PDB file of N, CA and C in Angstrom:
ATOM      1  N   MET A   1     108.847-318.186  44.279  1.00  0.00           N
ATOM      2  CA  MET A   1     107.576-318.092  43.565  1.00  0.00           C
ATOM      3  C   MET A   1     107.814-318.395  42.091  1.00  0.00           C
ATOM      4  N   ALA A   2     107.227-319.470  41.612  1.00  0.00           N
ATOM      5  CA  ALA A   2     107.362-319.858  40.213  1.00  0.00           C
ATOM      6  C   ALA A   2     106.221-319.223  39.420  1.00  0.00           C
ATOM      7  N   ARG A   3     106.595-318.435  38.441  1.00  0.00           N
ATOM      8  CA  ARG A   3     105.595-317.786  37.583  1.00  0.00           C
ATOM      9  C   ARG A   3     105.850-318.237  36.155  1.00  0.00           C
ATOM     10  N   ILE A   4     104.894-318.985  35.614  1.00  0.00           N
ATOM     11  CA  ILE A   4     105.035-319.518  34.264  1.00  0.00           C
ATOM     12  C   ILE A   4     103.795-319.142  33.468  1.00  0.00           C
ATOM     13  N   ALA A   5     104.005-318.590  32.284  1.00  0.00           N
ATOM     14  CA  ALA A   5     102.918-318.194  31.369  1.00  0.00           C
ATOM     15  C   ALA A   5     101.947-317.238  32.040  1.00  0.00           C
ATOM     16  N   GLY A   6     102.436-316.362  32.902  1.00  0.00           N
ATOM     17  CA  GLY A   6     101.593-315.374  33.561  1.00  0.00           C
ATOM     18  C   GLY A   6     100.772-315.913  34.710  1.00  0.00           C
ATOM     19  N   VAL A   7     101.072-317.129  35.173  1.00  0.00           N
ATOM     20  CA  VAL A   7     100.327-317.753  36.265  1.00  0.00           C
ATOM     21  C   VAL A   7     101.290-318.059  37.410  1.00  0.00           C
ATOM     22  N   ASP A   8     100.924-317.638  38.619  1.00  0.00           N
ATOM     23  CA  ASP A   8     101.705-317.998  39.804  1.00  0.00           C
ATOM     24  C   ASP A   8     101.327-319.412  40.210  1.00  0.00           C
ATOM     25  N   LEU A   9     102.308-320.306  40.199  1.00  0.00           N
ATOM     26  CA  LEU A   9     102.036-321.688  40.588  1.00  0.00           C
ATOM     27  C   LEU A   9     101.997-321.790  42.110  1.00  0.00           C
ATOM     28  N   PRO A  10     101.061-322.570  42.661  1.00  0.00           N
ATOM     29  CA  PRO A  10     100.986-322.722  44.116  1.00  0.00           C
ATOM     30  C   PRO A  10     102.228-323.424  44.649  1.00  0.00           C
ATOM     31  N   LYS A  11     102.797-322.890  45.738  1.00  0.00           N
ATOM     32  CA  LYS A  11     104.087-323.362  46.254  1.00  0.00           C
ATOM     33  C   LYS A  11     104.018-324.752  46.862  1.00  0.00           C
ATOM     34  N   ASP A  12     102.937-325.070  47.546  1.00  0.00           N
ATOM     35  CA  ASP A  12     102.880-326.313  48.307  1.00  0.00           C
ATOM     36  C   ASP A  12     102.297-327.488  47.531  1.00  0.00           C
ATOM     37  N   LYS A  13     102.085-327.325  46.241  1.00  0.00           N
ATOM     38  CA  LYS A  13     101.573-328.426  45.422  1.00  0.00           C
ATOM     39  C   LYS A  13     102.737-329.138  44.732  1.00  0.00           C
ATOM     40  N   ARG A  14     102.472-330.399  44.347  1.00  0.00           N
ATOM     41  CA  ARG A  14     103.460-331.135  43.566  1.00  0.00           C
ATOM     42  C   ARG A  14     103.542-330.519  42.177  1.00  0.00           C
ATOM     43  N   ASN A  15     104.712-330.652  41.527  1.00  0.00           N
ATOM     44  CA  ASN A  15     104.918-330.051  40.202  1.00  0.00           C
ATOM     45  C   ASN A  15     103.867-330.525  39.200  1.00  0.00           C
ATOM     46  N   GLU A  16     103.576-331.812  39.250  1.00  0.00           N
ATOM     47  CA  GLU A  16     102.634-332.410  38.313  1.00  0.00           C
ATOM     48  C   GLU A  16     101.253-331.747  38.406  1.00  0.00           C
ATOM     49  N   ILE A  17     100.824-331.436  39.613  1.00  0.00           N
ATOM     50  CA  ILE A  17      99.513-330.826  39.832  1.00  0.00           C
ATOM     51  C   ILE A  17      99.571-329.317  39.607  1.00  0.00           C
ATOM     52  N   ALA A  18     100.644-328.691  40.035  1.00  0.00           N
ATOM     53  CA  ALA A  18     100.758-327.229  39.941  1.00  0.00           C
ATOM     54  C   ALA A  18     100.733-326.743  38.496  1.00  0.00           C
ATOM     55  N   LEU A  19     101.309-327.516  37.577  1.00  0.00           N
ATOM     56  CA  LEU A  19     101.322-327.101  36.172  1.00  0.00           C
ATOM     57  C   LEU A  19      99.919-327.077  35.576  1.00  0.00           C
ATOM     58  N   THR A  20      98.984-327.839  36.161  1.00  0.00           N
ATOM     59  CA  THR A  20      97.623-327.851  35.612  1.00  0.00           C
ATOM     60  C   THR A  20      96.875-326.559  35.921  1.00  0.00           C
ATOM     61  N   TYR A  21      97.429-325.682  36.741  1.00  0.00           N
ATOM     62  CA  TYR A  21      96.818-324.375  37.002  1.00  0.00           C
ATOM     63  C   TYR A  21      96.942-323.449  35.789  1.00  0.00           C
ATOM     64  N   ILE A  22      97.798-323.811  34.833  1.00  0.00           N
ATOM     65  CA  ILE A  22      97.966-323.036  33.607  1.00  0.00           C
ATOM     66  C   ILE A  22      96.885-323.475  32.627  1.00  0.00           C
ATOM     67  N   PHE A  23      96.140-322.517  32.078  1.00  0.00           N
ATOM     68  CA  PHE A  23      95.076-322.820  31.126  1.00  0.00           C
ATOM     69  C   PHE A  23      95.695-323.430  29.880  1.00  0.00           C
ATOM     70  N   GLY A  24      95.281-324.656  29.540  1.00  0.00           N
ATOM     71  CA  GLY A  24      95.820-325.340  28.373  1.00  0.00           C
ATOM     72  C   GLY A  24      96.778-326.449  28.732  1.00  0.00           C
ATOM     73  N   VAL A  25      97.144-326.584  30.007  1.00  0.00           N
ATOM     74  CA  VAL A  25      98.005-327.671  30.451  1.00  0.00           C
ATOM     75  C   VAL A  25      97.196-328.545  31.384  1.00  0.00           C
ATOM     76  N   GLY A  26      96.961-329.777  30.962  1.00  0.00           N
ATOM     77  CA  GLY A  26      96.218-330.719  31.778  1.00  0.00           C
ATOM     78  C   GLY A  26      97.165-331.701  32.446  1.00  0.00           C
ATOM     79  N   HIS A  27      96.598-332.755  32.987  1.00  0.00           N
ATOM     80  CA  HIS A  27      97.380-333.742  33.729  1.00  0.00           C
ATOM     81  C   HIS A  27      98.375-334.464  32.816  1.00  0.00           C
ATOM     82  N   THR A  28      97.906-334.887  31.642  1.00  0.00           N
ATOM     83  CA  THR A  28      98.767-335.622  30.714  1.00  0.00           C
ATOM     84  C   THR A  28      99.899-334.749  30.198  1.00  0.00           C
ATOM     85  N   SER A  29      99.579-333.520  29.786  1.00  0.00           N
ATOM     86  CA  SER A  29     100.632-332.656  29.246  1.00  0.00           C
ATOM     87  C   SER A  29     101.605-332.214  30.335  1.00  0.00           C
ATOM     88  N   SER A  30     101.154-332.092  31.580  1.00  0.00           N
ATOM     89  CA  SER A  30     102.095-331.740  32.651  1.00  0.00           C
ATOM     90  C   SER A  30     103.083-332.881  32.877  1.00  0.00           C
ATOM     91  N   LYS A  31     102.613-334.122  32.773  1.00  0.00           N
ATOM     92  CA  LYS A  31     103.523-335.274  32.878  1.00  0.00           C
ATOM     93  C   LYS A  31     104.553-335.253  31.752  1.00  0.00           C
ATOM     94  N   LYS A  32     104.092-334.957  30.532  1.00  0.00           N
ATOM     95  CA  LYS A  32     105.006-334.911  29.378  1.00  0.00           C
ATOM     96  C   LYS A  32     106.044-333.812  29.548  1.00  0.00           C
ATOM     97  N   ILE A  33     105.612-332.647  30.023  1.00  0.00           N
ATOM     98  CA  ILE A  33     106.534-331.518  30.217  1.00  0.00           C
ATOM     99  C   ILE A  33     107.604-331.886  31.226  1.00  0.00           C
ATOM    100  N   LEU A  34     107.198-332.466  32.354  1.00  0.00           N
ATOM    101  CA  LEU A  34     108.148-332.803  33.413  1.00  0.00           C
ATOM    102  C   LEU A  34     109.077-333.939  32.998  1.00  0.00           C
ATOM    103  N   SER A  35     108.585-334.898  32.221  1.00  0.00           N
ATOM    104  CA  SER A  35     109.460-335.992  31.783  1.00  0.00           C
ATOM    105  C   SER A  35     110.475-335.507  30.751  1.00  0.00           C
ATOM    106  N   SER A  36     110.073-334.589  29.873  1.00  0.00           N
ATOM    107  CA  SER A  36     111.010-334.083  28.863  1.00  0.00           C
ATOM    108  C   SER A  36     112.066-333.158  29.469  1.00  0.00           C
ATOM    109  N   THR A  37     111.752-332.512  30.599  1.00  0.00           N
ATOM    110  CA  THR A  37     112.735-331.649  31.264  1.00  0.00           C
ATOM    111  C   THR A  37     113.478-332.374  32.372  1.00  0.00           C
ATOM    112  N   ASN A  38     113.179-333.666  32.585  1.00  0.00           N
ATOM    113  CA  ASN A  38     113.819-334.497  33.620  1.00  0.00           C
ATOM    114  C   ASN A  38     113.678-333.902  35.016  1.00  0.00           C
ATOM    115  N   ILE A  39     112.481-333.453  35.349  1.00  0.00           N
ATOM    116  CA  ILE A  39     112.194-332.913  36.678  1.00  0.00           C
ATOM    117  C   ILE A  39     111.226-333.874  37.365  1.00  0.00           C
ATOM    118  N   ASP A  40     111.479-334.166  38.632  1.00  0.00           N
ATOM    119  CA  ASP A  40     110.652-335.100  39.389  1.00  0.00           C
ATOM    120  C   ASP A  40     109.255-334.517  39.600  1.00  0.00           C
ATOM    121  N   PRO A  41     108.205-335.223  39.165  1.00  0.00           N
ATOM    122  CA  PRO A  41     106.843-334.691  39.320  1.00  0.00           C
ATOM    123  C   PRO A  41     106.371-334.666  40.764  1.00  0.00           C
ATOM    124  N   ASN A  42     107.020-335.413  41.653  1.00  0.00           N
ATOM    125  CA  ASN A  42     106.574-335.493  43.043  1.00  0.00           C
ATOM    126  C   ASN A  42     107.177-334.403  43.930  1.00  0.00           C
ATOM    127  N   ARG A  43     108.181-333.674  43.435  1.00  0.00           N
ATOM    128  CA  ARG A  43     108.739-332.573  44.212  1.00  0.00           C
ATOM    129  C   ARG A  43     107.762-331.407  44.245  1.00  0.00           C
ATOM    130  N   LYS A  44     107.876-330.606  45.266  1.00  0.00           N
ATOM    131  CA  LYS A  44     107.004-329.429  45.403  1.00  0.00           C
ATOM    132  C   LYS A  44     107.558-328.275  44.560  1.00  0.00           C
ATOM    133  N   VAL A  45     106.695-327.332  44.250  1.00  0.00           N
ATOM    134  CA  VAL A  45     107.093-326.178  43.435  1.00  0.00           C
ATOM    135  C   VAL A  45     108.118-325.325  44.182  1.00  0.00           C
ATOM    136  N   LYS A  46     107.980-325.218  45.507  1.00  0.00           N
ATOM    137  CA  LYS A  46     108.906-324.384  46.276  1.00  0.00           C
ATOM    138  C   LYS A  46     110.330-324.939  46.274  1.00  0.00           C
ATOM    139  N   ASP A  47     110.512-326.221  45.909  1.00  0.00           N
ATOM    140  CA  ASP A  47     111.841-326.826  45.868  1.00  0.00           C
ATOM    141  C   ASP A  47     112.535-326.666  44.525  1.00  0.00           C
ATOM    142  N   LEU A  48     111.871-326.068  43.540  1.00  0.00           N
ATOM    143  CA  LEU A  48     112.472-325.879  42.212  1.00  0.00           C
ATOM    144  C   LEU A  48     113.469-324.724  42.229  1.00  0.00           C
ATOM    145  N   ASP A  49     114.604-324.898  41.489  1.00  0.00           N
ATOM    146  CA  ASP A  49     115.521-323.761  41.337  1.00  0.00           C
ATOM    147  C   ASP A  49     115.083-322.957  40.125  1.00  0.00           C
ATOM    148  N   ASP A  50     115.734-321.805  39.937  1.00  0.00           N
ATOM    149  CA  ASP A  50     115.402-320.933  38.811  1.00  0.00           C
ATOM    150  C   ASP A  50     115.693-321.625  37.485  1.00  0.00           C
ATOM    151  N   LYS A  51     116.751-322.441  37.468  1.00  0.00           N
ATOM    152  CA  LYS A  51     117.134-323.139  36.234  1.00  0.00           C
ATOM    153  C   LYS A  51     116.017-324.105  35.799  1.00  0.00           C
ATOM    154  N   GLU A  52     115.463-324.838  36.740  1.00  0.00           N
ATOM    155  CA  GLU A  52     114.397-325.785  36.427  1.00  0.00           C
ATOM    156  C   GLU A  52     113.117-325.071  36.003  1.00  0.00           C
ATOM    157  N   VAL A  53     112.818-323.954  36.649  1.00  0.00           N
ATOM    158  CA  VAL A  53     111.635-323.168  36.269  1.00  0.00           C
ATOM    159  C   VAL A  53     111.795-322.647  34.842  1.00  0.00           C
ATOM    160  N   ASP A  54     113.014-322.211  34.484  1.00  0.00           N
ATOM    161  CA  ASP A  54     113.273-321.745  33.125  1.00  0.00           C
ATOM    162  C   ASP A  54     113.115-322.871  32.108  1.00  0.00           C
ATOM    163  N   GLN A  55     113.566-324.077  32.475  1.00  0.00           N
ATOM    164  CA  GLN A  55     113.398-325.234  31.580  1.00  0.00           C
ATOM    165  C   GLN A  55     111.919-325.495  31.310  1.00  0.00           C
ATOM    166  N   ILE A  56     111.129-325.484  32.367  1.00  0.00           N
ATOM    167  CA  ILE A  56     109.684-325.719  32.216  1.00  0.00           C
ATOM    168  C   ILE A  56     109.053-324.616  31.377  1.00  0.00           C
ATOM    169  N   ARG A  57     109.436-323.366  31.647  1.00  0.00           N
ATOM    170  CA  ARG A  57     108.890-322.225  30.916  1.00  0.00           C
ATOM    171  C   ARG A  57     109.184-322.335  29.422  1.00  0.00           C
ATOM    172  N   LYS A  58     110.441-322.685  29.075  1.00  0.00           N
ATOM    173  CA  LYS A  58     110.822-322.810  27.663  1.00  0.00           C
ATOM    174  C   LYS A  58     110.072-323.950  26.989  1.00  0.00           C
ATOM    175  N   GLU A  59     109.919-325.072  27.694  1.00  0.00           N
ATOM    176  CA  GLU A  59     109.200-326.226  27.149  1.00  0.00           C
ATOM    177  C   GLU A  59     107.747-325.853  26.830  1.00  0.00           C
ATOM    178  N   ILE A  60     107.111-325.148  27.743  1.00  0.00           N
ATOM    179  CA  ILE A  60     105.710-324.757  27.533  1.00  0.00           C
ATOM    180  C   ILE A  60     105.589-323.740  26.407  1.00  0.00           C
ATOM    181  N   GLU A  61     106.474-322.750  26.372  1.00  0.00           N
ATOM    182  CA  GLU A  61     106.411-321.716  25.331  1.00  0.00           C
ATOM    183  C   GLU A  61     106.615-322.311  23.946  1.00  0.00           C
ATOM    184  N   ASN A  62     107.510-323.304  23.817  1.00  0.00           N
ATOM    185  CA  ASN A  62     107.831-323.854  22.505  1.00  0.00           C
ATOM    186  C   ASN A  62     106.807-324.853  21.986  1.00  0.00           C
ATOM    187  N   LYS A  63     106.175-325.620  22.875  1.00  0.00           N
ATOM    188  CA  LYS A  63     105.362-326.733  22.400  1.00  0.00           C
ATOM    189  C   LYS A  63     103.867-326.633  22.657  1.00  0.00           C
ATOM    190  N   TYR A  64     103.418-325.726  23.526  1.00  0.00           N
ATOM    191  CA  TYR A  64     102.011-325.717  23.909  1.00  0.00           C
ATOM    192  C   TYR A  64     101.405-324.324  23.772  1.00  0.00           C
ATOM    193  N   PRO A  65     100.214-324.236  23.134  1.00  0.00           N
ATOM    194  CA  PRO A  65      99.485-322.965  23.183  1.00  0.00           C
ATOM    195  C   PRO A  65      98.785-322.862  24.534  1.00  0.00           C
ATOM    196  N   VAL A  66      99.113-321.834  25.313  1.00  0.00           N
ATOM    197  CA  VAL A  66      98.541-321.710  26.655  1.00  0.00           C
ATOM    198  C   VAL A  66      98.018-320.305  26.886  1.00  0.00           C
ATOM    199  N   GLU A  67      97.197-320.182  27.940  1.00  0.00           N
ATOM    200  CA  GLU A  67      96.644-318.912  28.432  1.00  0.00           C
ATOM    201  C   GLU A  67      96.057-318.060  27.317  1.00  0.00           C
ATOM    202  N   GLY A  68      96.575-316.854  27.097  1.00  0.00           N
ATOM    203  CA  GLY A  68      95.960-315.867  26.204  1.00  0.00           C
ATOM    204  C   GLY A  68      95.814-316.350  24.778  1.00  0.00           C
ATOM    205  N   THR A  69      96.877-316.943  24.219  1.00  0.00           N
ATOM    206  CA  THR A  69      96.811-317.378  22.818  1.00  0.00           C
ATOM    207  C   THR A  69      95.787-318.487  22.633  1.00  0.00           C
ATOM    208  N   LEU A  70      95.698-319.392  23.594  1.00  0.00           N
ATOM    209  CA  LEU A  70      94.723-320.479  23.500  1.00  0.00           C
ATOM    210  C   LEU A  70      93.303-319.953  23.644  1.00  0.00           C
ATOM    211  N   ARG A  71      93.091-319.012  24.570  1.00  0.00           N
ATOM    212  CA  ARG A  71      91.753-318.433  24.745  1.00  0.00           C
ATOM    213  C   ARG A  71      91.303-317.707  23.474  1.00  0.00           C
ATOM    214  N   VAL A  72      92.220-316.978  22.837  1.00  0.00           N
ATOM    215  CA  VAL A  72      91.904-316.268  21.595  1.00  0.00           C
ATOM    216  C   VAL A  72      91.564-317.269  20.498  1.00  0.00           C
ATOM    217  N   GLU A  73      92.333-318.350  20.423  1.00  0.00           N
ATOM    218  CA  GLU A  73      92.108-319.373  19.404  1.00  0.00           C
ATOM    219  C   GLU A  73      90.735-320.026  19.575  1.00  0.00           C
ATOM    220  N   VAL A  74      90.374-320.353  20.810  1.00  0.00           N
ATOM    221  CA  VAL A  74      89.075-320.978  21.083  1.00  0.00           C
ATOM    222  C   VAL A  74      87.935-320.023  20.746  1.00  0.00           C
ATOM    223  N   SER A  75      88.069-318.751  21.154  1.00  0.00           N
ATOM    224  CA  SER A  75      87.000-317.791  20.863  1.00  0.00           C
ATOM    225  C   SER A  75      86.871-317.543  19.360  1.00  0.00           C
ATOM    226  N   ASN A  76      87.998-317.548  18.642  1.00  0.00           N
ATOM    227  CA  ASN A  76      87.933-317.397  17.184  1.00  0.00           C
ATOM    228  C   ASN A  76      87.233-318.584  16.529  1.00  0.00           C
ATOM    229  N   ASN A  77      87.474-319.776  17.055  1.00  0.00           N
ATOM    230  CA  ASN A  77      86.807-320.965  16.519  1.00  0.00           C
ATOM    231  C   ASN A  77      85.297-320.869  16.709  1.00  0.00           C
ATOM    232  N   ILE A  78      84.882-320.398  17.889  1.00  0.00           N
ATOM    233  CA  ILE A  78      83.452-320.259  18.163  1.00  0.00           C
ATOM    234  C   ILE A  78      82.847-319.172  17.279  1.00  0.00           C
ATOM    235  N   LYS A  79      83.547-318.051  17.102  1.00  0.00           N
ATOM    236  CA  LYS A  79      83.062-316.982  16.219  1.00  0.00           C
ATOM    237  C   LYS A  79      82.909-317.475  14.790  1.00  0.00           C
ATOM    238  N   ARG A  80      83.861-318.291  14.341  1.00  0.00           N
ATOM    239  CA  ARG A  80      83.797-318.840  12.988  1.00  0.00           C
ATOM    240  C   ARG A  80      82.565-319.717  12.820  1.00  0.00           C
ATOM    241  N   LEU A  81      82.276-320.556  13.818  1.00  0.00           N
ATOM    242  CA  LEU A  81      81.085-321.409  13.747  1.00  0.00           C
ATOM    243  C   LEU A  81      79.814-320.577  13.680  1.00  0.00           C
ATOM    244  N   ILE A  82      79.778-319.491  14.444  1.00  0.00           N
ATOM    245  CA  ILE A  82      78.604-318.617  14.444  1.00  0.00           C
ATOM    246  C   ILE A  82      78.450-317.934  13.087  1.00  0.00           C
ATOM    247  N   GLU A  83      79.562-317.454  12.510  1.00  0.00           N
ATOM    248  CA  GLU A  83      79.508-316.731  11.235  1.00  0.00           C
ATOM    249  C   GLU A  83      79.047-317.618  10.087  1.00  0.00           C
ATOM    250  N   ILE A  84      79.515-318.867  10.051  1.00  0.00           N
ATOM    251  CA  ILE A  84      79.122-319.732   8.929  1.00  0.00           C
ATOM    252  C   ILE A  84      77.724-320.306   9.116  1.00  0.00           C
ATOM    253  N   GLY A  85      77.153-320.083  10.295  1.00  0.00           N
ATOM    254  CA  GLY A  85      75.764-320.492  10.530  1.00  0.00           C
ATOM    255  C   GLY A  85      75.586-321.979  10.736  1.00  0.00           C
ATOM    256  N   SER A  86      76.607-322.639  11.251  1.00  0.00           N
ATOM    257  CA  SER A  86      76.483-324.072  11.496  1.00  0.00           C
ATOM    258  C   SER A  86      75.557-324.328  12.678  1.00  0.00           C
ATOM    259  N   TYR A  87      75.152-325.587  12.830  1.00  0.00           N
ATOM    260  CA  TYR A  87      74.273-325.955  13.934  1.00  0.00           C
ATOM    261  C   TYR A  87      74.943-325.632  15.266  1.00  0.00           C
ATOM    262  N   ARG A  88      76.214-326.014  15.393  1.00  0.00           N
ATOM    263  CA  ARG A  88      76.944-325.739  16.632  1.00  0.00           C
ATOM    264  C   ARG A  88      77.053-324.240  16.886  1.00  0.00           C
ATOM    265  N   GLY A  89      77.223-323.464  15.815  1.00  0.00           N
ATOM    266  CA  GLY A  89      77.307-322.021  15.963  1.00  0.00           C
ATOM    267  C   GLY A  89      76.014-321.419  16.476  1.00  0.00           C
ATOM    268  N   THR A  90      74.891-321.904  15.969  1.00  0.00           N
ATOM    269  CA  THR A  90      73.609-321.370  16.434  1.00  0.00           C
ATOM    270  C   THR A  90      73.354-321.753  17.884  1.00  0.00           C
ATOM    271  N   ARG A  91      73.777-322.950  18.294  1.00  0.00           N
ATOM    272  CA  ARG A  91      73.629-323.356  19.691  1.00  0.00           C
ATOM    273  C   ARG A  91      74.469-322.467  20.601  1.00  0.00           C
ATOM    274  N   HIS A  92      75.691-322.134  20.165  1.00  0.00           N
ATOM    275  CA  HIS A  92      76.532-321.201  20.936  1.00  0.00           C
ATOM    276  C   HIS A  92      75.841-319.852  21.061  1.00  0.00           C
ATOM    277  N   LYS A  93      75.289-319.382  19.949  1.00  0.00           N
ATOM    278  CA  LYS A  93      74.644-318.074  19.908  1.00  0.00           C
ATOM    279  C   LYS A  93      73.446-318.004  20.851  1.00  0.00           C
ATOM    280  N   LYS A  94      72.658-319.082  20.894  1.00  0.00           N
ATOM    281  CA  LYS A  94      71.467-319.121  21.740  1.00  0.00           C
ATOM    282  C   LYS A  94      71.772-319.455  23.195  1.00  0.00           C
ATOM    283  N   GLY A  95      73.001-319.869  23.477  1.00  0.00           N
ATOM    284  CA  GLY A  95      73.366-320.221  24.847  1.00  0.00           C
ATOM    285  C   GLY A  95      72.805-321.559  25.288  1.00  0.00           C
ATOM    286  N   LEU A  96      72.673-322.482  24.354  1.00  0.00           N
ATOM    287  CA  LEU A  96      72.153-323.813  24.640  1.00  0.00           C
ATOM    288  C   LEU A  96      73.290-324.832  24.542  1.00  0.00           C
ATOM    289  N   PRO A  97      73.085-326.068  25.038  1.00  0.00           N
ATOM    290  CA  PRO A  97      74.136-327.078  24.937  1.00  0.00           C
ATOM    291  C   PRO A  97      74.493-327.363  23.480  1.00  0.00           C
ATOM    292  N   VAL A  98      75.768-327.532  23.217  1.00  0.00           N
ATOM    293  CA  VAL A  98      76.261-327.624  21.850  1.00  0.00           C
ATOM    294  C   VAL A  98      76.408-329.070  21.392  1.00  0.00           C
ATOM    295  N   ARG A  99      76.644-329.986  22.314  1.00  0.00           N
ATOM    296  CA  ARG A  99      77.041-331.335  21.928  1.00  0.00           C
ATOM    297  C   ARG A  99      75.939-332.379  22.069  1.00  0.00           C
ATOM    298  N   GLY A 100      74.707-332.008  21.801  1.00  0.00           N
ATOM    299  CA  GLY A 100      73.638-332.987  21.713  1.00  0.00           C
ATOM    300  C   GLY A 100      72.970-333.376  23.014  1.00  0.00           C
ATOM    301  N   GLN A 101      73.234-332.660  24.094  1.00  0.00           N
ATOM    302  CA  GLN A 101      72.589-333.004  25.356  1.00  0.00           C
ATOM    303  C   GLN A 101      71.115-332.618  25.317  1.00  0.00           C
ATOM    304  N   ARG A 102      70.317-333.259  26.179  1.00  0.00           N
ATOM    305  CA  ARG A 102      68.898-332.962  26.236  1.00  0.00           C
ATOM    306  C   ARG A 102      68.680-331.618  26.927  1.00  0.00           C
ATOM    307  N   THR A 103      67.604-330.943  26.557  1.00  0.00           N
ATOM    308  CA  THR A 103      67.328-329.634  27.151  1.00  0.00           C
ATOM    309  C   THR A 103      65.955-329.550  27.786  1.00  0.00           C
ATOM    310  N   GLN A 104      65.128-330.581  27.631  1.00  0.00           N
ATOM    311  CA  GLN A 104      63.776-330.485  28.174  1.00  0.00           C
ATOM    312  C   GLN A 104      63.797-330.437  29.698  1.00  0.00           C
ATOM    313  N   THR A 105      64.654-331.269  30.312  1.00  0.00           N
ATOM    314  CA  THR A 105      64.678-331.295  31.770  1.00  0.00           C
ATOM    315  C   THR A 105      65.964-330.724  32.358  1.00  0.00           C
ATOM    316  N   ASN A 106      67.070-330.883  31.680  1.00  0.00           N
ATOM    317  CA  ASN A 106      68.346-330.465  32.261  1.00  0.00           C
ATOM    318  C   ASN A 106      68.893-329.229  31.561  1.00  0.00           C
ATOM    319  N   ALA A 107      70.201-329.081  31.494  1.00  0.00           N
ATOM    320  CA  ALA A 107      70.892-327.972  30.814  1.00  0.00           C
ATOM    321  C   ALA A 107      70.738-326.657  31.545  1.00  0.00           C
ATOM    322  N   ARG A 108      70.562-326.684  32.868  1.00  0.00           N
ATOM    323  CA  ARG A 108      70.407-325.442  33.618  1.00  0.00           C
ATOM    324  C   ARG A 108      71.693-324.627  33.633  1.00  0.00           C
ATOM    325  N   THR A 109      72.834-325.278  33.499  1.00  0.00           N
ATOM    326  CA  THR A 109      74.096-324.539  33.494  1.00  0.00           C
ATOM    327  C   THR A 109      74.166-323.604  32.292  1.00  0.00           C
ATOM    328  N   ARG A 110      73.793-324.112  31.112  1.00  0.00           N
ATOM    329  CA  ARG A 110      73.838-323.295  29.904  1.00  0.00           C
ATOM    330  C   ARG A 110      72.649-322.338  29.807  1.00  0.00           C
ATOM    331  N   LYS A 111      71.450-322.800  30.217  1.00  0.00           N
ATOM    332  CA  LYS A 111      70.249-321.996  30.038  1.00  0.00           C
ATOM    333  C   LYS A 111      70.053-320.942  31.123  1.00  0.00           C
ATOM    334  N   GLY A 112      70.698-321.113  32.264  1.00  0.00           N
ATOM    335  CA  GLY A 112      70.526-320.165  33.356  1.00  0.00           C
ATOM    336  C   GLY A 112      69.405-320.598  34.271  1.00  0.00           C
ATOM    337  N   PRO A 113      69.094-319.774  35.267  1.00  0.00           N
ATOM    338  CA  PRO A 113      68.046-320.157  36.221  1.00  0.00           C
ATOM    339  C   PRO A 113      66.673-320.236  35.559  1.00  0.00           C
ATOM    340  N   LYS A 114      65.779-321.017  36.159  1.00  0.00           N
ATOM    341  CA  LYS A 114      64.435-321.199  35.611  1.00  0.00           C
ATOM    342  C   LYS A 114      63.687-319.875  35.571  1.00  0.00           C
ATOM    343  N   LYS A 115      62.912-319.722  34.531  1.00  0.00           N
ATOM    344  CA  LYS A 115      62.057-318.543  34.430  1.00  0.00           C
ATOM    345  C   LYS A 115      60.681-318.956  34.913  1.00  0.00           C
ATOM    346  N   GLY A 116      60.192-318.315  35.939  1.00  0.00           N
ATOM    347  CA  GLY A 116      58.891-318.666  36.503  1.00  0.00           C
ATOM    348  C   GLY A 116      57.766-318.308  35.569  1.00  0.00           C
ATOM    349  N   SER A 117      56.639-318.984  35.730  1.00  0.00           N
ATOM    350  CA  SER A 117      55.499-318.696  34.867  1.00  0.00           C
ATOM    351  C   SER A 117      54.859-317.367  35.284  1.00  0.00           C
ATOM    352  N   ILE A 118      54.101-316.799  34.414  1.00  0.00           N
ATOM    353  CA  ILE A 118      53.479-315.496  34.671  1.00  0.00           C
ATOM    354  C   ILE A 118      52.454-315.597  35.800  1.00  0.00           C
ATOM    355  N   SER A 119      51.748-316.743  35.863  1.00  0.00           N
ATOM    356  CA  SER A 119      50.725-316.889  36.900  1.00  0.00           C
ATOM    357  C   SER A 119      51.345-316.853  38.290  1.00  0.00           C
ATOM    358  N   LEU A 120      52.531-317.394  38.450  1.00  0.00           N
ATOM    359  CA  LEU A 120      53.205-317.348  39.750  1.00  0.00           C
ATOM    360  C   LEU A 120      53.553-315.909  40.132  1.00  0.00           C
ATOM    361  N   LYS A 121      53.935-315.128  39.147  1.00  0.00           N
ATOM    362  CA  LYS A 121      54.283-313.729  39.415  1.00  0.00           C
ATOM    363  C   LYS A 121      53.044-312.937  39.838  1.00  0.00           C
ATOM    364  N   ARG A 122      51.902-313.234  39.192  1.00  0.00           N
ATOM    365  CA  ARG A 122      50.668-312.538  39.544  1.00  0.00           C
ATOM    366  C   ARG A 122      50.233-312.864  40.968  1.00  0.00           C
ATOM    367  N   LYS A 123      50.385-314.158  41.364  1.00  0.00           N
ATOM    368  CA  LYS A 123      50.012-314.565  42.715  1.00  0.00           C
ATOM    369  C   LYS A 123      50.904-313.888  43.749  1.00  0.00           C
ATOM    370  N   ALA A 124      52.200-313.774  43.442  1.00  0.00           N
ATOM    371  CA  ALA A 124      53.115-313.128  44.373  1.00  0.00           C
ATOM    372  C   ALA A 124      52.787-311.658  44.492  1.00  0.00           C
ATOM    373  N   LYS A 125      52.374-311.028  43.389  1.00  0.00           N
ATOM    374  CA  LYS A 125      52.014-309.613  43.403  1.00  0.00           C
ATOM    375  C   LYS A 125      50.734-309.378  44.201  1.00  0.00           C
ATOM    376  N   ALA A 126      49.774-310.298  44.089  1.00  0.00           N
ATOM    377  CA  ALA A 126      48.502-310.181  44.782  1.00  0.00           C
ATOM    378  C   ALA A 126      48.673-310.296  46.293  1.00  0.00           C
ATOM    379  N   LYS A 127      49.638-311.091  46.746  1.00  0.00           N
ATOM    380  CA  LYS A 127      49.869-311.264  48.186  1.00  0.00           C
ATOM    381  C   LYS A 127      50.409-309.993  48.823  1.00  0.00           C
ATOM    382  N   LYS A 128      51.109-309.183  48.090  1.00  0.00           N
ATOM    383  CA  LYS A 128      51.699-307.943  48.618  1.00  0.00           C
ATOM    384  C   LYS A 128      50.644-306.953  48.882  1.00  0.00           C
TER     385      LYS A 128
END
């Protein structure tokens, strides 16, 4: 069982894919990590020895902000935007899309489920 940065990597996945389970490590950075440690990206995680897992762990700890530290950094950036009152900060605060997407018809992911009109609620109440 390979445990890196507090994340258990899936045993039956290739190294290149398994490293992306760590928050802050994507496909490109997993390739860079494996090439710098000279580990074959096509081998499975269960085939790694402890020495290779330690190499990967040290590479990630030294060069990449991952998991907890990265989450704290991102949340601090968002808090800073909110405090200075920037446009992006107010969008974060209101729970609306931040990067210029339209909101008249879409943006249900950020806005949440539709709020029904009051007349629909009255009709449903009258039927009961």
